[in-house]
C-alpha atoms as a PDB file:
ATOM      1  CA  MET A   1       0.000   0.000   0.000  1.00  0.00           C
ATOM      2  CA  THR A   2       1.393   3.384  -0.908  1.00  0.00           C
ATOM      3  CA  LEU A   3       0.907   6.494   1.176  1.00  0.00           C
ATOM      4  CA  HIS A   4      -1.771   8.010  -1.057  1.00  0.00           C
ATOM      5  CA  GLU A   5      -3.863   4.801  -0.923  1.00  0.00           C
ATOM      6  CA  PHE A   6      -4.211   5.135   2.870  1.00  0.00           C
ATOM      7  CA  ALA A   7      -7.091   7.587   3.394  1.00  0.00           C
ATOM      8  CA  ALA A   8      -5.915   8.889   6.777  1.00  0.00           C
ATOM      9  CA  ALA A   9      -2.361   9.465   5.550  1.00  0.00           C
ATOM     10  CA  PRO A  10      -1.220  13.081   5.744  1.00  0.00           C
ATOM     11  CA  ILE A  11      -0.669  15.017   2.566  1.00  0.00           C
ATOM     12  CA  GLU A  12       1.310  17.681   4.398  1.00  0.00           C
ATOM     13  CA  GLU A  13       3.160  17.395   7.669  1.00  0.00           C
ATOM     14  CA  CYS A  14       5.536  19.714   9.491  1.00  0.00           C
ATOM     15  CA  TYR A  15       7.319  19.468  12.793  1.00  0.00           C
ATOM     16  CA  HIS A  16       9.895  21.122  14.943  1.00  0.00           C
ATOM     17  CA  PRO A  17      11.826  19.810  17.935  1.00  0.00           C
ATOM     18  CA  ILE A  18      10.827  21.275  21.293  1.00  0.00           C
ATOM     19  CA  GLU A  19      12.675  21.329  24.598  1.00  0.00           C
ATOM     20  CA  ARG A  20       9.648  20.398  26.710  1.00  0.00           C
ATOM     21  CA  PRO A  21       6.059  19.466  25.809  1.00  0.00           C
ATOM     22  CA  GLN A  22       3.206  21.765  26.809  1.00  0.00           C
ATOM     23  CA  ASN A  23       0.949  18.812  27.596  1.00  0.00           C
ATOM     24  CA  ALA A  24       1.113  17.668  31.248  1.00  0.00           C
ATOM     25  CA  LYS A  25       0.737  13.959  30.378  1.00  0.00           C
ATOM     26  CA  LEU A  26       3.669  14.176  27.971  1.00  0.00           C
ATOM     27  CA  ARG A  27       5.720  15.979  30.608  1.00  0.00           C
ATOM     28  CA  ASP A  28       4.897  12.989  32.867  1.00  0.00           C
ATOM     29  CA  LEU A  29       6.189  10.677  30.128  1.00  0.00           C
ATOM     30  CA  VAL A  30       9.443  12.663  29.903  1.00  0.00           C
ATOM     31  CA  ALA A  31       9.743  12.454  33.714  1.00  0.00           C
ATOM     32  CA  LEU A  32       9.325   8.658  33.487  1.00  0.00           C
ATOM     33  CA  TRP A  33      12.139   8.595  30.926  1.00  0.00           C
ATOM     34  CA  HIS A  34      14.435  10.483  33.308  1.00  0.00           C
ATOM     35  CA  LYS A  35      13.591   8.016  36.121  1.00  0.00           C
ATOM     36  CA  ARG A  36      13.909   4.885  33.938  1.00  0.00           C
ATOM     37  CA  PRO A  37      15.653   1.785  35.302  1.00  0.00           C
ATOM     38  CA  PRO A  38      19.410   1.624  34.634  1.00  0.00           C
ATOM     39  CA  ASP A  39      18.840  -1.079  32.012  1.00  0.00           C
ATOM     40  CA  GLY A  40      15.999   0.871  30.334  1.00  0.00           C
ATOM     41  CA  PHE A  41      12.271   0.191  29.977  1.00  0.00           C
ATOM     42  CA  GLU A  42      11.160  -3.213  28.729  1.00  0.00           C
ATOM     43  CA  ILE A  43       7.755  -4.006  27.225  1.00  0.00           C
ATOM     44  CA  GLY A  44       6.130  -6.649  29.401  1.00  0.00           C
ATOM     45  CA  ARG A  45       8.254  -5.826  32.435  1.00  0.00           C
ATOM     46  CA  ASP A  46       7.838  -2.046  32.812  1.00  0.00           C
ATOM     47  CA  ILE A  47       5.136  -1.338  30.235  1.00  0.00           C
ATOM     48  CA  PRO A  48       2.288  -1.696  31.022  1.00  0.00           C
ATOM     49  CA  SER A  49       2.546  -0.756  34.678  1.00  0.00           C
ATOM     50  CA  ARG A  50       0.769   1.584  37.079  1.00  0.00           C
ATOM     51  CA  ARG A  51       3.062   4.467  36.238  1.00  0.00           C
ATOM     52  CA  PHE A  52       2.332   4.083  32.516  1.00  0.00           C
ATOM     53  CA  ALA A  53      -1.400   3.314  32.945  1.00  0.00           C
ATOM     54  CA  PRO A  54      -2.676   6.908  32.496  1.00  0.00           C
ATOM     55  CA  LEU A  55      -0.663   7.215  29.273  1.00  0.00           C
ATOM     56  CA  LEU A  56      -1.296   3.877  27.530  1.00  0.00           C
ATOM     57  CA  SER A  57      -4.115   5.028  25.244  1.00  0.00           C
ATOM     58  CA  HIS A  58      -1.715   7.673  23.877  1.00  0.00           C
ATOM     59  CA  ILE A  59       1.290   5.394  23.325  1.00  0.00           C
ATOM     60  CA  LEU A  60       2.387   3.455  20.286  1.00  0.00           C
ATOM     61  CA  PHE A  61       5.432   1.314  19.542  1.00  0.00           C
ATOM     62  CA  TRP A  62       7.555   1.219  16.392  1.00  0.00           C
ATOM     63  CA  GLU A  63       9.726  -1.809  15.616  1.00  0.00           C
ATOM     64  CA  PRO A  64      12.801  -1.001  13.495  1.00  0.00           C
ATOM     65  CA  ILE A  65      13.261  -2.795  10.184  1.00  0.00           C
ATOM     66  CA  ASP A  66      16.862  -3.458   9.104  1.00  0.00           C
ATOM     67  CA  GLY A  67      18.430  -1.098  11.617  1.00  0.00           C
ATOM     68  CA  GLY A  68      15.912   1.703  11.109  1.00  0.00           C
ATOM     69  CA  VAL A  69      15.503   1.990   7.329  1.00  0.00           C
ATOM     70  CA  ASP A  70      11.788   1.863   8.196  1.00  0.00           C
ATOM     71  CA  TYR A  71       9.636   0.958  11.218  1.00  0.00           C
ATOM     72  CA  THR A  72       6.550  -1.217  11.664  1.00  0.00           C
ATOM     73  CA  LEU A  73       3.747   0.005  13.932  1.00  0.00           C
ATOM     74  CA  ARG A  74       3.323  -2.778  16.505  1.00  0.00           C
ATOM     75  CA  LEU A  75       0.893  -1.414  19.077  1.00  0.00           C
ATOM     76  CA  CYS A  76      -1.236   1.684  18.871  1.00  0.00           C
ATOM     77  CA  GLY A  77      -3.211   3.187  21.760  1.00  0.00           C
ATOM     78  CA  GLU A  78      -6.880   3.882  21.216  1.00  0.00           C
ATOM     79  CA  ALA A  79      -6.532   7.667  21.152  1.00  0.00           C
ATOM     80  CA  LEU A  80      -4.059   7.448  18.280  1.00  0.00           C
ATOM     81  CA  HIS A  81      -6.546   6.401  15.641  1.00  0.00           C
ATOM     82  CA  LEU A  82      -7.156  10.144  15.212  1.00  0.00           C
ATOM     83  CA  ARG A  83      -3.609  10.318  13.869  1.00  0.00           C
ATOM     84  CA  PHE A  84      -3.506   7.123  11.798  1.00  0.00           C
ATOM     85  CA  GLY A  85      -7.110   6.030  11.284  1.00  0.00           C
ATOM     86  CA  ASP A  86      -8.245   2.457  11.823  1.00  0.00           C
ATOM     87  CA  ASP A  87      -6.133  -0.623  11.169  1.00  0.00           C
ATOM     88  CA  ALA A  88      -2.746   1.095  11.206  1.00  0.00           C
ATOM     89  CA  VAL A  89      -1.045  -1.632  13.273  1.00  0.00           C
ATOM     90  CA  GLY A  90       1.309  -3.637  11.064  1.00  0.00           C
ATOM     91  CA  LYS A  91       1.806  -0.798   8.573  1.00  0.00           C
ATOM     92  CA  ARG A  92       5.181   0.764   7.944  1.00  0.00           C
ATOM     93  CA  PHE A  93       6.156   4.255   9.015  1.00  0.00           C
ATOM     94  CA  THR A  94       6.693   5.189   5.370  1.00  0.00           C
ATOM     95  CA  GLU A  95       3.053   4.261   4.627  1.00  0.00           C
ATOM     96  CA  LEU A  96       1.633   6.351   7.459  1.00  0.00           C
ATOM     97  CA  VAL A  97       3.668   9.556   7.448  1.00  0.00           C
ATOM     98  CA  ALA A  98       3.972  12.317   4.837  1.00  0.00           C
ATOM     99  CA  PRO A  99       7.007  11.750   2.575  1.00  0.00           C
ATOM    100  CA  GLU A 100       8.624  15.117   3.316  1.00  0.00           C
ATOM    101  CA  VAL A 101       9.219  14.225   6.987  1.00  0.00           C
ATOM    102  CA  VAL A 102      10.086  10.539   6.581  1.00  0.00           C
ATOM    103  CA  PRO A 103      13.899  10.904   6.177  1.00  0.00           C
ATOM    104  CA  ALA A 104      14.272  13.202   9.195  1.00  0.00           C
ATOM    105  CA  PHE A 105      12.146  10.999  11.441  1.00  0.00           C
ATOM    106  CA  LEU A 106      13.854   7.782  10.338  1.00  0.00           C
ATOM    107  CA  GLU A 107      17.215   9.388  11.145  1.00  0.00           C
ATOM    108  CA  ALA A 108      15.910  10.680  14.497  1.00  0.00           C
ATOM    109  CA  GLY A 109      14.733   7.157  15.351  1.00  0.00           C
ATOM    110  CA  ARG A 110      18.132   5.669  14.521  1.00  0.00           C
ATOM    111  CA  ARG A 111      19.854   8.337  16.647  1.00  0.00           C
ATOM    112  CA  MET A 112      17.548   7.722  19.604  1.00  0.00           C
ATOM    113  CA  LEU A 113      18.208   3.985  19.458  1.00  0.00           C
ATOM    114  CA  THR A 114      21.971   4.502  19.143  1.00  0.00           C
ATOM    115  CA  GLU A 115      22.300   7.312  21.687  1.00  0.00           C
ATOM    116  CA  ASP A 116      19.581   6.067  24.085  1.00  0.00           C
ATOM    117  CA  ARG A 117      17.864   9.432  24.319  1.00  0.00           C
ATOM    118  CA  CYS A 118      14.436  11.083  24.450  1.00  0.00           C
ATOM    119  CA  ALA A 119      13.155  13.684  21.974  1.00  0.00           C
ATOM    120  CA  CYS A 120      10.074  15.933  21.874  1.00  0.00           C
ATOM    121  CA  PHE A 121       8.340  17.429  18.819  1.00  0.00           C
ATOM    122  CA  ASP A 122       5.480  19.774  17.960  1.00  0.00           C
ATOM    123  CA  MET A 123       3.575  18.515  14.895  1.00  0.00           C
ATOM    124  CA  ASN A 124       0.983  19.813  12.449  1.00  0.00           C
ATOM    125  CA  LEU A 125      -0.576  17.794   9.657  1.00  0.00           C
ATOM    126  CA  VAL A 126      -3.184  18.193   6.950  1.00  0.00           C
ATOM    127  CA  ARG A 127      -4.771  15.163   5.311  1.00  0.00           C
ATOM    128  CA  GLN A 128      -6.717  14.478   2.158  1.00  0.00           C
ATOM    129  CA  GLU A 129      -9.553  12.606   3.896  1.00  0.00           C
ATOM    130  CA  PRO A 130     -10.852  13.482   7.369  1.00  0.00           C
ATOM    131  CA  VAL A 131     -10.589  11.194  10.376  1.00  0.00           C
ATOM    132  CA  GLU A 132     -13.417  11.861  12.846  1.00  0.00           C
ATOM    133  CA  GLY A 133     -14.261  14.940  10.785  1.00  0.00           C
ATOM    134  CA  ARG A 134     -10.771  16.442  11.100  1.00  0.00           C
ATOM    135  CA  PHE A 135      -8.602  17.380   8.148  1.00  0.00           C
ATOM    136  CA  LYS A 136      -5.995  19.081  10.367  1.00  0.00           C
ATOM    137  CA  LEU A 137      -4.276  17.971  13.566  1.00  0.00           C
ATOM    138  CA  HIS A 138      -1.897  19.744  15.937  1.00  0.00           C
ATOM    139  CA  PHE A 139      -0.147  17.548  18.485  1.00  0.00           C
ATOM    140  CA  GLU A 140       3.024  16.893  20.456  1.00  0.00           C
ATOM    141  CA  LEU A 141       5.195  13.791  20.488  1.00  0.00           C
ATOM    142  CA  VAL A 142       7.580  12.347  23.046  1.00  0.00           C
ATOM    143  CA  VAL A 143       9.744   9.585  21.629  1.00  0.00           C
ATOM    144  CA  PHE A 144      12.330   7.310  23.268  1.00  0.00           C
ATOM    145  CA  PRO A 145      13.798   3.796  22.964  1.00  0.00           C
ATOM    146  CA  VAL A 146      12.481   0.800  24.914  1.00  0.00           C
ATOM    147  CA  TRP A 147      13.368  -2.870  24.906  1.00  0.00           C
ATOM    148  CA  ALA A 148      10.989  -5.240  23.120  1.00  0.00           C
ATOM    149  CA  HIS A 149       9.565  -8.045  25.270  1.00  0.00           C
ATOM    150  CA  GLY A 150      12.345 -10.429  26.261  1.00  0.00           C
ATOM    151  CA  ARG A 151      14.953  -7.810  25.315  1.00  0.00           C
ATOM    152  CA  THR A 152      14.991  -9.170  21.760  1.00  0.00           C
ATOM    153  CA  GLY A 153      15.594  -5.724  20.281  1.00  0.00           C
ATOM    154  CA  ARG A 154      15.099  -2.007  20.765  1.00  0.00           C
ATOM    155  CA  TRP A 155      11.829  -0.377  19.716  1.00  0.00           C
ATOM    156  CA  ILE A 156      10.661   3.235  19.771  1.00  0.00           C
ATOM    157  CA  LEU A 157       7.950   4.332  22.207  1.00  0.00           C
ATOM    158  CA  ASN A 158       5.934   7.271  20.891  1.00  0.00           C
ATOM    159  CA  GLY A 159       3.603   9.223  23.195  1.00  0.00           C
ATOM    160  CA  THR A 160       1.165  11.597  21.462  1.00  0.00           C
ATOM    161  CA  TYR A 161      -1.299  14.227  22.720  1.00  0.00           C
ATOM    162  CA  TYR A 162      -3.521  16.425  20.583  1.00  0.00           C
ATOM    163  CA  PHE A 163      -4.501  20.080  20.820  1.00  0.00           C
ATOM    164  CA  LEU A 164      -8.194  19.709  19.937  1.00  0.00           C
END
């Protein structure tokens, strides 16, 4: 499936890195990152847990393909269907995100996995077809690496909150 075949795919997307999210829940997610265990967060051990419970509907996980040349969406919280529409799990990053931002975000993902760091972004997108009646979305992202279940590899955790 190409990007333009996916109705909820953005036709225009822009972002800029931010020092700190405005959204309180995302600030909580950044605080969790700073208090992470010395060996990092692991899906199944640390996530889900009570400290992540209030955030789970706004979290998704990306599994790297071939060292980060693309990512597969593995789990997507309920609130995130506003961003990606229905049935996005299993799709590749390059199918879900506007082409103009793909290279920068793929590189950012590789850097986060390599450098074990957290990043925050402010995002705006416009799409061809509405999702829940919305053609435009403004939201913030907090992104950081986590271990897949069983520590079989590193994935990217992505927390998202919308300005509706």
